[in-house]
Amino acid sequence: MLKNRGPIQLALLRLLRVRKKGIDSVTLACRVFGTNTPTVSQLESTRRALRGLRRDGLVDVNRQRPVYLMR
């Protein structure tokens, strides 16, 4: 499951594992990078990592309210 994961994907998985409710990508970026205002690059890195996790079936997206959840 964690094989060939980058540091951002691993950090996202750790955050999503302990959180029972959904969380949006901006809040995830803030927590992963330890800032209140993530840069455009940090947001893109977070979204790219989430796309990979979603493609691999490790996270789920609530389409009505764009939040990410562990499967």
PDB file of N, CA and C in Angstrom:
ATOM      1  N   MET A   1       0.819  -1.190   0.000  1.00  0.00           N
ATOM      2  CA  MET A   1       0.000   0.000   0.000  1.00  0.00           C
ATOM      3  C   MET A   1       0.865   1.256   0.000  1.00  0.00           C
ATOM      4  N   LEU A   2       1.914   1.286   0.791  1.00  0.00           N
ATOM      5  CA  LEU A   2       2.742   2.477   0.871  1.00  0.00           C
ATOM      6  C   LEU A   2       3.955   2.401  -0.043  1.00  0.00           C
ATOM      7  N   LYS A   3       4.047   1.336  -0.796  1.00  0.00           N
ATOM      8  CA  LYS A   3       5.189   1.147  -1.672  1.00  0.00           C
ATOM      9  C   LYS A   3       5.205   2.211  -2.763  1.00  0.00           C
ATOM     10  N   ASN A   4       6.373   2.762  -3.028  1.00  0.00           N
ATOM     11  CA  ASN A   4       6.561   3.763  -4.068  1.00  0.00           C
ATOM     12  C   ASN A   4       5.737   5.028  -3.861  1.00  0.00           C
ATOM     13  N   ARG A   5       5.541   5.425  -2.649  1.00  0.00           N
ATOM     14  CA  ARG A   5       4.821   6.659  -2.331  1.00  0.00           C
ATOM     15  C   ARG A   5       5.833   7.757  -2.037  1.00  0.00           C
ATOM     16  N   GLY A   6       5.512   8.967  -2.486  1.00  0.00           N
ATOM     17  CA  GLY A   6       6.352  10.122  -2.199  1.00  0.00           C
ATOM     18  C   GLY A   6       6.065  10.665  -0.810  1.00  0.00           C
ATOM     19  N   PRO A   7       6.884  11.598  -0.350  1.00  0.00           N
ATOM     20  CA  PRO A   7       6.706  12.138   1.001  1.00  0.00           C
ATOM     21  C   PRO A   7       5.381  12.864   1.198  1.00  0.00           C
ATOM     22  N   ILE A   8       4.896  13.530   0.166  1.00  0.00           N
ATOM     23  CA  ILE A   8       3.617  14.237   0.300  1.00  0.00           C
ATOM     24  C   ILE A   8       2.474  13.240   0.375  1.00  0.00           C
ATOM     25  N   GLN A   9       2.508  12.197  -0.438  1.00  0.00           N
ATOM     26  CA  GLN A   9       1.462  11.171  -0.376  1.00  0.00           C
ATOM     27  C   GLN A   9       1.458  10.489   0.989  1.00  0.00           C
ATOM     28  N   LEU A  10       2.632  10.192   1.523  1.00  0.00           N
ATOM     29  CA  LEU A  10       2.702   9.556   2.844  1.00  0.00           C
ATOM     30  C   LEU A  10       2.136  10.470   3.923  1.00  0.00           C
ATOM     31  N   ALA A  11       2.466  11.759   3.847  1.00  0.00           N
ATOM     32  CA  ALA A  11       1.931  12.713   4.824  1.00  0.00           C
ATOM     33  C   ALA A  11       0.413  12.816   4.709  1.00  0.00           C
ATOM     34  N   LEU A  12      -0.104  12.824   3.481  1.00  0.00           N
ATOM     35  CA  LEU A  12      -1.556  12.881   3.281  1.00  0.00           C
ATOM     36  C   LEU A  12      -2.240  11.644   3.845  1.00  0.00           C
ATOM     37  N   LEU A  13      -1.659  10.482   3.596  1.00  0.00           N
ATOM     38  CA  LEU A  13      -2.244   9.248   4.127  1.00  0.00           C
ATOM     39  C   LEU A  13      -2.263   9.256   5.649  1.00  0.00           C
ATOM     40  N   ARG A  14      -1.194   9.738   6.276  1.00  0.00           N
ATOM     41  CA  ARG A  14      -1.164   9.817   7.744  1.00  0.00           C
ATOM     42  C   ARG A  14      -2.260  10.744   8.255  1.00  0.00           C
ATOM     43  N   LEU A  15      -2.415  11.895   7.619  1.00  0.00           N
ATOM     44  CA  LEU A  15      -3.452  12.844   8.042  1.00  0.00           C
ATOM     45  C   LEU A  15      -4.849  12.270   7.856  1.00  0.00           C
ATOM     46  N   LEU A  16      -5.084  11.644   6.725  1.00  0.00           N
ATOM     47  CA  LEU A  16      -6.414  11.117   6.438  1.00  0.00           C
ATOM     48  C   LEU A  16      -6.758   9.907   7.302  1.00  0.00           C
ATOM     49  N   ARG A  17      -5.756   9.163   7.734  1.00  0.00           N
ATOM     50  CA  ARG A  17      -6.012   7.999   8.585  1.00  0.00           C
ATOM     51  C   ARG A  17      -6.570   8.393   9.941  1.00  0.00           C
ATOM     52  N   VAL A  18      -6.059   9.476  10.529  1.00  0.00           N
ATOM     53  CA  VAL A  18      -6.501   9.863  11.871  1.00  0.00           C
ATOM     54  C   VAL A  18      -7.763  10.709  11.841  1.00  0.00           C
ATOM     55  N   ARG A  19      -8.106  11.238  10.696  1.00  0.00           N
ATOM     56  CA  ARG A  19      -9.287  12.094  10.578  1.00  0.00           C
ATOM     57  C   ARG A  19     -10.471  11.260  10.091  1.00  0.00           C
ATOM     58  N   LYS A  20     -11.548  11.317  10.818  1.00  0.00           N
ATOM     59  CA  LYS A  20     -12.728  10.526  10.470  1.00  0.00           C
ATOM     60  C   LYS A  20     -13.659  11.244   9.496  1.00  0.00           C
ATOM     61  N   LYS A  21     -13.588  12.561   9.449  1.00  0.00           N
ATOM     62  CA  LYS A  21     -14.419  13.342   8.537  1.00  0.00           C
ATOM     63  C   LYS A  21     -13.604  13.713   7.316  1.00  0.00           C
ATOM     64  N   GLY A  22     -14.272  14.155   6.280  1.00  0.00           N
ATOM     65  CA  GLY A  22     -13.588  14.605   5.075  1.00  0.00           C
ATOM     66  C   GLY A  22     -12.822  15.894   5.314  1.00  0.00           C
ATOM     67  N   ILE A  23     -11.886  16.169   4.424  1.00  0.00           N
ATOM     68  CA  ILE A  23     -11.068  17.377   4.535  1.00  0.00           C
ATOM     69  C   ILE A  23     -10.759  17.860   3.124  1.00  0.00           C
ATOM     70  N   ASP A  24     -10.759  19.167   2.918  1.00  0.00           N
ATOM     71  CA  ASP A  24     -10.525  19.700   1.570  1.00  0.00           C
ATOM     72  C   ASP A  24      -9.023  19.795   1.282  1.00  0.00           C
ATOM     73  N   SER A  25      -8.688  19.974   0.019  1.00  0.00           N
ATOM     74  CA  SER A  25      -7.286  19.955  -0.403  1.00  0.00           C
ATOM     75  C   SER A  25      -6.490  21.139   0.133  1.00  0.00           C
ATOM     76  N   VAL A  26      -7.117  22.297   0.312  1.00  0.00           N
ATOM     77  CA  VAL A  26      -6.401  23.461   0.841  1.00  0.00           C
ATOM     78  C   VAL A  26      -6.008  23.218   2.299  1.00  0.00           C
ATOM     79  N   THR A  27      -6.932  22.694   3.089  1.00  0.00           N
ATOM     80  CA  THR A  27      -6.629  22.391   4.481  1.00  0.00           C
ATOM     81  C   THR A  27      -5.560  21.309   4.575  1.00  0.00           C
ATOM     82  N   LEU A  28      -5.631  20.315   3.711  1.00  0.00           N
ATOM     83  CA  LEU A  28      -4.591  19.284   3.687  1.00  0.00           C
ATOM     84  C   LEU A  28      -3.228  19.895   3.376  1.00  0.00           C
ATOM     85  N   ALA A  29      -3.168  20.798   2.401  1.00  0.00           N
ATOM     86  CA  ALA A  29      -1.905  21.449   2.056  1.00  0.00           C
ATOM     87  C   ALA A  29      -1.370  22.256   3.236  1.00  0.00           C
ATOM     88  N   CYS A  30      -2.242  22.960   3.927  1.00  0.00           N
ATOM     89  CA  CYS A  30      -1.824  23.733   5.104  1.00  0.00           C
ATOM     90  C   CYS A  30      -1.189  22.824   6.149  1.00  0.00           C
ATOM     91  N   ARG A  31      -1.788  21.683   6.376  1.00  0.00           N
ATOM     92  CA  ARG A  31      -1.277  20.771   7.407  1.00  0.00           C
ATOM     93  C   ARG A  31      -0.004  20.061   6.971  1.00  0.00           C
ATOM     94  N   VAL A  32       0.062  19.650   5.728  1.00  0.00           N
ATOM     95  CA  VAL A  32       1.248  18.940   5.235  1.00  0.00           C
ATOM     96  C   VAL A  32       2.465  19.864   5.248  1.00  0.00           C
ATOM     97  N   PHE A  33       2.268  21.103   4.812  1.00  0.00           N
ATOM     98  CA  PHE A  33       3.393  22.025   4.692  1.00  0.00           C
ATOM     99  C   PHE A  33       3.564  22.935   5.908  1.00  0.00           C
ATOM    100  N   GLY A  34       2.677  22.826   6.894  1.00  0.00           N
ATOM    101  CA  GLY A  34       2.818  23.586   8.127  1.00  0.00           C
ATOM    102  C   GLY A  34       2.708  25.089   7.940  1.00  0.00           C
ATOM    103  N   THR A  35       1.732  25.516   7.174  1.00  0.00           N
ATOM    104  CA  THR A  35       1.542  26.941   6.912  1.00  0.00           C
ATOM    105  C   THR A  35       0.055  27.266   6.905  1.00  0.00           C
ATOM    106  N   ASN A  36      -0.255  28.532   7.118  1.00  0.00           N
ATOM    107  CA  ASN A  36      -1.660  28.963   7.048  1.00  0.00           C
ATOM    108  C   ASN A  36      -2.067  29.341   5.634  1.00  0.00           C
ATOM    109  N   THR A  37      -1.091  29.684   4.809  1.00  0.00           N
ATOM    110  CA  THR A  37      -1.377  30.072   3.421  1.00  0.00           C
ATOM    111  C   THR A  37      -0.414  29.340   2.488  1.00  0.00           C
ATOM    112  N   PRO A  38      -0.818  28.174   1.997  1.00  0.00           N
ATOM    113  CA  PRO A  38       0.065  27.427   1.099  1.00  0.00           C
ATOM    114  C   PRO A  38       0.260  28.161  -0.230  1.00  0.00           C
ATOM    115  N   THR A  39       1.429  27.974  -0.802  1.00  0.00           N
ATOM    116  CA  THR A  39       1.728  28.582  -2.091  1.00  0.00           C
ATOM    117  C   THR A  39       1.018  27.805  -3.198  1.00  0.00           C
ATOM    118  N   VAL A  40       1.020  28.371  -4.375  1.00  0.00           N
ATOM    119  CA  VAL A  40       0.413  27.707  -5.525  1.00  0.00           C
ATOM    120  C   VAL A  40       1.115  26.366  -5.774  1.00  0.00           C
ATOM    121  N   SER A  41       2.433  26.335  -5.647  1.00  0.00           N
ATOM    122  CA  SER A  41       3.192  25.096  -5.842  1.00  0.00           C
ATOM    123  C   SER A  41       2.827  24.042  -4.808  1.00  0.00           C
ATOM    124  N   GLN A  42       2.665  24.462  -3.564  1.00  0.00           N
ATOM    125  CA  GLN A  42       2.283  23.521  -2.513  1.00  0.00           C
ATOM    126  C   GLN A  42       0.888  22.971  -2.753  1.00  0.00           C
ATOM    127  N   LEU A  43      -0.027  23.808  -3.186  1.00  0.00           N
ATOM    128  CA  LEU A  43      -1.381  23.341  -3.499  1.00  0.00           C
ATOM    129  C   LEU A  43      -1.363  22.353  -4.662  1.00  0.00           C
ATOM    130  N   GLU A  44      -0.589  22.660  -5.690  1.00  0.00           N
ATOM    131  CA  GLU A  44      -0.513  21.762  -6.840  1.00  0.00           C
ATOM    132  C   GLU A  44       0.120  20.433  -6.447  1.00  0.00           C
ATOM    133  N   SER A  45       1.149  20.456  -5.622  1.00  0.00           N
ATOM    134  CA  SER A  45       1.778  19.212  -5.156  1.00  0.00           C
ATOM    135  C   SER A  45       0.793  18.367  -4.361  1.00  0.00           C
ATOM    136  N   THR A  46       0.006  19.031  -3.533  1.00  0.00           N
ATOM    137  CA  THR A  46      -0.997  18.320  -2.737  1.00  0.00           C
ATOM    138  C   THR A  46      -2.046  17.704  -3.646  1.00  0.00           C
ATOM    139  N   ARG A  47      -2.532  18.447  -4.600  1.00  0.00           N
ATOM    140  CA  ARG A  47      -3.565  17.932  -5.511  1.00  0.00           C
ATOM    141  C   ARG A  47      -3.030  16.803  -6.384  1.00  0.00           C
ATOM    142  N   ARG A  48      -1.785  16.929  -6.816  1.00  0.00           N
ATOM    143  CA  ARG A  48      -1.175  15.868  -7.631  1.00  0.00           C
ATOM    144  C   ARG A  48      -1.046  14.584  -6.810  1.00  0.00           C
ATOM    145  N   ALA A  49      -0.628  14.729  -5.565  1.00  0.00           N
ATOM    146  CA  ALA A  49      -0.500  13.564  -4.690  1.00  0.00           C
ATOM    147  C   ALA A  49      -1.871  12.930  -4.436  1.00  0.00           C
ATOM    148  N   LEU A  50      -2.884  13.764  -4.231  1.00  0.00           N
ATOM    149  CA  LEU A  50      -4.239  13.245  -4.010  1.00  0.00           C
ATOM    150  C   LEU A  50      -4.773  12.520  -5.247  1.00  0.00           C
ATOM    151  N   ARG A  51      -4.484  13.046  -6.435  1.00  0.00           N
ATOM    152  CA  ARG A  51      -4.921  12.367  -7.659  1.00  0.00           C
ATOM    153  C   ARG A  51      -4.312  10.971  -7.749  1.00  0.00           C
ATOM    154  N   GLY A  52      -3.041  10.856  -7.401  1.00  0.00           N
ATOM    155  CA  GLY A  52      -2.391   9.547  -7.421  1.00  0.00           C
ATOM    156  C   GLY A  52      -3.000   8.597  -6.414  1.00  0.00           C
ATOM    157  N   LEU A  53      -3.282   9.097  -5.217  1.00  0.00           N
ATOM    158  CA  LEU A  53      -3.900   8.252  -4.187  1.00  0.00           C
ATOM    159  C   LEU A  53      -5.314   7.841  -4.592  1.00  0.00           C
ATOM    160  N   ARG A  54      -6.028   8.775  -5.207  1.00  0.00           N
ATOM    161  CA  ARG A  54      -7.393   8.453  -5.670  1.00  0.00           C
ATOM    162  C   ARG A  54      -7.353   7.427  -6.789  1.00  0.00           C
ATOM    163  N   ARG A  55      -6.430   7.592  -7.715  1.00  0.00           N
ATOM    164  CA  ARG A  55      -6.284   6.649  -8.834  1.00  0.00           C
ATOM    165  C   ARG A  55      -5.981   5.243  -8.312  1.00  0.00           C
ATOM    166  N   ASP A  56      -5.200   5.145  -7.238  1.00  0.00           N
ATOM    167  CA  ASP A  56      -4.848   3.851  -6.654  1.00  0.00           C
ATOM    168  C   ASP A  56      -5.921   3.318  -5.708  1.00  0.00           C
ATOM    169  N   GLY A  57      -7.013   4.076  -5.540  1.00  0.00           N
ATOM    170  CA  GLY A  57      -8.119   3.613  -4.708  1.00  0.00           C
ATOM    171  C   GLY A  57      -7.889   3.758  -3.218  1.00  0.00           C
ATOM    172  N   LEU A  58      -6.963   4.608  -2.807  1.00  0.00           N
ATOM    173  CA  LEU A  58      -6.663   4.764  -1.381  1.00  0.00           C
ATOM    174  C   LEU A  58      -7.458   5.877  -0.719  1.00  0.00           C
ATOM    175  N   VAL A  59      -7.946   6.824  -1.501  1.00  0.00           N
ATOM    176  CA  VAL A  59      -8.803   7.880  -0.964  1.00  0.00           C
ATOM    177  C   VAL A  59     -10.035   7.993  -1.841  1.00  0.00           C
ATOM    178  N   ASP A  60     -11.057   8.599  -1.279  1.00  0.00           N
ATOM    179  CA  ASP A  60     -12.313   8.782  -1.985  1.00  0.00           C
ATOM    180  C   ASP A  60     -12.652  10.267  -1.966  1.00  0.00           C
ATOM    181  N   VAL A  61     -13.394  10.718  -2.952  1.00  0.00           N
ATOM    182  CA  VAL A  61     -13.761  12.125  -3.051  1.00  0.00           C
ATOM    183  C   VAL A  61     -15.273  12.246  -2.956  1.00  0.00           C
ATOM    184  N   ASN A  62     -15.724  13.152  -2.102  1.00  0.00           N
ATOM    185  CA  ASN A  62     -17.136  13.486  -2.034  1.00  0.00           C
ATOM    186  C   ASN A  62     -17.364  14.572  -3.075  1.00  0.00           C
ATOM    187  N   ARG A  63     -18.076  14.271  -4.131  1.00  0.00           N
ATOM    188  CA  ARG A  63     -18.245  15.197  -5.256  1.00  0.00           C
ATOM    189  C   ARG A  63     -19.137  16.388  -4.926  1.00  0.00           C
ATOM    190  N   GLN A  64     -20.108  16.233  -4.037  1.00  0.00           N
ATOM    191  CA  GLN A  64     -21.015  17.340  -3.732  1.00  0.00           C
ATOM    192  C   GLN A  64     -20.310  18.410  -2.907  1.00  0.00           C
ATOM    193  N   ARG A  65     -19.435  17.993  -2.042  1.00  0.00           N
ATOM    194  CA  ARG A  65     -18.598  18.913  -1.267  1.00  0.00           C
ATOM    195  C   ARG A  65     -17.192  18.379  -1.413  1.00  0.00           C
ATOM    196  N   PRO A  66     -16.334  19.029  -2.176  1.00  0.00           N
ATOM    197  CA  PRO A  66     -15.038  18.438  -2.527  1.00  0.00           C
ATOM    198  C   PRO A  66     -14.118  18.208  -1.341  1.00  0.00           C
ATOM    199  N   VAL A  67     -14.304  17.068  -0.696  1.00  0.00           N
ATOM    200  CA  VAL A  67     -13.452  16.663   0.416  1.00  0.00           C
ATOM    201  C   VAL A  67     -12.930  15.268   0.162  1.00  0.00           C
ATOM    202  N   TYR A  68     -11.811  14.949   0.785  1.00  0.00           N
ATOM    203  CA  TYR A  68     -11.155  13.660   0.604  1.00  0.00           C
ATOM    204  C   TYR A  68     -11.301  12.833   1.865  1.00  0.00           C
ATOM    205  N   LEU A  69     -11.514  11.534   1.675  1.00  0.00           N
ATOM    206  CA  LEU A  69     -11.694  10.592   2.775  1.00  0.00           C
ATOM    207  C   LEU A  69     -10.849   9.355   2.509  1.00  0.00           C
ATOM    208  N   MET A  70     -10.394   8.707   3.568  1.00  0.00           N
ATOM    209  CA  MET A  70      -9.735   7.409   3.416  1.00  0.00           C
ATOM    210  C   MET A  70     -10.790   6.402   3.038  1.00  0.00           C
ATOM    211  N   ARG A  71     -10.449   5.472   2.193  1.00  0.00           N
ATOM    212  CA  ARG A  71     -11.375   4.389   1.833  1.00  0.00           C
ATOM    213  C   ARG A  71     -11.364   3.347   2.892  1.00  0.00           C
TER     214      ARG A  71
END
